[in-house]
Amino acid sequence: MGRMKAYEGDRAAVREEAEEAAHQPTHEERMSHMERVWEMCGTAANGYHCPSAVAEMLVKEAVSAFLDSRTALVLDEVAA
């Protein structure tokens, strides 16, 4: 599998887990789930030529997915 295809798979998995974390009911559960996401980022990044750069990109993806998902949930709650 090409590195770009592998990265896209890792990126999608990290985003999915971060979105799931955003849906956890309590702050503690969200942060606990995000700790697993950070571990996923590091583990996935170790398979690349420059792990630190890939880890940084995956963490940014995770943060973006978490914030987008959490913001949408909060806005839905406010609108209801």
C-alpha atoms as a PDB file:
ATOM      1  CA  MET A   1       0.000   0.000   0.000  1.00  0.00           C
ATOM      2  CA  GLY A   2       1.327   3.440  -0.872  1.00  0.00           C
ATOM      3  CA  ARG A   3       2.229   5.826   1.909  1.00  0.00           C
ATOM      4  CA  MET A   4      -0.420   8.368   0.858  1.00  0.00           C
ATOM      5  CA  LYS A   5      -3.126   5.710   0.930  1.00  0.00           C
ATOM      6  CA  ALA A   6      -1.889   4.499   4.314  1.00  0.00           C
ATOM      7  CA  TYR A   7      -1.878   8.077   5.633  1.00  0.00           C
ATOM      8  CA  GLU A   8      -5.437   8.646   4.436  1.00  0.00           C
ATOM      9  CA  GLY A   9      -6.505   5.518   6.312  1.00  0.00           C
ATOM     10  CA  ASP A  10      -4.709   6.627   9.479  1.00  0.00           C
ATOM     11  CA  ARG A  11      -6.158  10.113   9.137  1.00  0.00           C
ATOM     12  CA  ALA A  12      -9.709   8.774   8.750  1.00  0.00           C
ATOM     13  CA  ALA A  13      -9.316   6.464  11.763  1.00  0.00           C
ATOM     14  CA  VAL A  14      -7.969   9.270  13.951  1.00  0.00           C
ATOM     15  CA  ARG A  15     -10.769  11.634  12.893  1.00  0.00           C
ATOM     16  CA  GLU A  16     -13.402   8.977  13.568  1.00  0.00           C
ATOM     17  CA  GLU A  17     -12.072   8.297  17.073  1.00  0.00           C
ATOM     18  CA  ALA A  18     -11.828  12.027  17.847  1.00  0.00           C
ATOM     19  CA  GLU A  19     -15.427  12.535  16.719  1.00  0.00           C
ATOM     20  CA  GLU A  20     -16.478   9.655  18.953  1.00  0.00           C
ATOM     21  CA  ALA A  21     -14.634  11.289  21.846  1.00  0.00           C
ATOM     22  CA  ALA A  22     -16.573  14.501  21.271  1.00  0.00           C
ATOM     23  CA  HIS A  23     -19.832  12.600  21.800  1.00  0.00           C
ATOM     24  CA  GLN A  24     -18.891  11.281  25.230  1.00  0.00           C
ATOM     25  CA  PRO A  25     -21.256  12.596  27.916  1.00  0.00           C
ATOM     26  CA  THR A  26     -18.738  13.971  30.432  1.00  0.00           C
ATOM     27  CA  HIS A  27     -15.557  15.988  30.235  1.00  0.00           C
ATOM     28  CA  GLU A  28     -13.608  13.191  31.927  1.00  0.00           C
ATOM     29  CA  GLU A  29     -14.844  10.604  29.433  1.00  0.00           C
ATOM     30  CA  ARG A  30     -14.064  12.891  26.494  1.00  0.00           C
ATOM     31  CA  MET A  31     -10.518  13.498  27.720  1.00  0.00           C
ATOM     32  CA  SER A  32      -9.965   9.825  28.493  1.00  0.00           C
ATOM     33  CA  HIS A  33     -11.067   8.938  24.975  1.00  0.00           C
ATOM     34  CA  MET A  34      -8.809  11.633  23.519  1.00  0.00           C
ATOM     35  CA  GLU A  35      -5.834  10.131  25.361  1.00  0.00           C
ATOM     36  CA  ARG A  36      -6.456   6.974  23.333  1.00  0.00           C
ATOM     37  CA  VAL A  37      -6.606   9.136  20.197  1.00  0.00           C
ATOM     38  CA  TRP A  38      -3.205  10.653  21.021  1.00  0.00           C
ATOM     39  CA  GLU A  39      -1.801   7.150  21.443  1.00  0.00           C
ATOM     40  CA  MET A  40      -3.278   6.198  18.058  1.00  0.00           C
ATOM     41  CA  CYS A  41      -1.535   9.200  16.490  1.00  0.00           C
ATOM     42  CA  GLY A  42       1.844   8.196  17.892  1.00  0.00           C
ATOM     43  CA  THR A  43       1.470   4.537  17.026  1.00  0.00           C
ATOM     44  CA  ALA A  44       0.389   5.301  13.464  1.00  0.00           C
ATOM     45  CA  ALA A  45       3.131   7.894  12.995  1.00  0.00           C
ATOM     46  CA  ASN A  46       5.829   5.377  13.915  1.00  0.00           C
ATOM     47  CA  GLY A  47       5.250   3.638  10.588  1.00  0.00           C
ATOM     48  CA  TYR A  48       6.417   6.640   8.563  1.00  0.00           C
ATOM     49  CA  HIS A  49       9.815   7.985   7.554  1.00  0.00           C
ATOM     50  CA  CYS A  50       9.404  11.141   9.675  1.00  0.00           C
ATOM     51  CA  PRO A  51       7.245  10.122  12.645  1.00  0.00           C
ATOM     52  CA  SER A  52       7.300  13.511  14.362  1.00  0.00           C
ATOM     53  CA  ALA A  53       5.906  15.309  11.310  1.00  0.00           C
ATOM     54  CA  VAL A  54       3.201  12.700  10.764  1.00  0.00           C
ATOM     55  CA  ALA A  55       2.283  12.692  14.456  1.00  0.00           C
ATOM     56  CA  GLU A  56       1.867  16.457  14.334  1.00  0.00           C
ATOM     57  CA  MET A  57      -0.380  16.219  11.269  1.00  0.00           C
ATOM     58  CA  LEU A  58      -2.504  13.468  12.833  1.00  0.00           C
ATOM     59  CA  VAL A  59      -2.857  15.383  16.112  1.00  0.00           C
ATOM     60  CA  LYS A  60      -4.010  18.453  14.182  1.00  0.00           C
ATOM     61  CA  GLU A  61      -6.580  16.295  12.391  1.00  0.00           C
ATOM     62  CA  ALA A  62      -7.785  14.873  15.701  1.00  0.00           C
ATOM     63  CA  VAL A  63      -8.147  18.305  17.278  1.00  0.00           C
ATOM     64  CA  SER A  64      -9.999  19.627  14.257  1.00  0.00           C
ATOM     65  CA  ALA A  65     -12.400  16.678  14.180  1.00  0.00           C
ATOM     66  CA  PHE A  66     -13.010  16.875  17.931  1.00  0.00           C
ATOM     67  CA  LEU A  67     -13.678  20.621  17.887  1.00  0.00           C
ATOM     68  CA  ASP A  68     -15.921  20.458  14.822  1.00  0.00           C
ATOM     69  CA  SER A  69     -17.962  17.626  16.267  1.00  0.00           C
ATOM     70  CA  ARG A  70     -18.174  19.117  19.752  1.00  0.00           C
ATOM     71  CA  THR A  71     -19.172  22.534  18.396  1.00  0.00           C
ATOM     72  CA  ALA A  72     -21.952  20.991  16.310  1.00  0.00           C
ATOM     73  CA  LEU A  73     -23.263  19.116  19.366  1.00  0.00           C
ATOM     74  CA  VAL A  74     -23.267  22.224  21.540  1.00  0.00           C
ATOM     75  CA  LEU A  75     -24.992  24.289  18.859  1.00  0.00           C
ATOM     76  CA  ASP A  76     -27.632  21.582  18.455  1.00  0.00           C
ATOM     77  CA  GLU A  77     -28.238  21.621  22.223  1.00  0.00           C
ATOM     78  CA  VAL A  78     -28.549  25.411  22.259  1.00  0.00           C
ATOM     79  CA  ALA A  79     -30.982  25.352  19.324  1.00  0.00           C
ATOM     80  CA  ALA A  80     -33.176  22.709  20.984  1.00  0.00           C
END
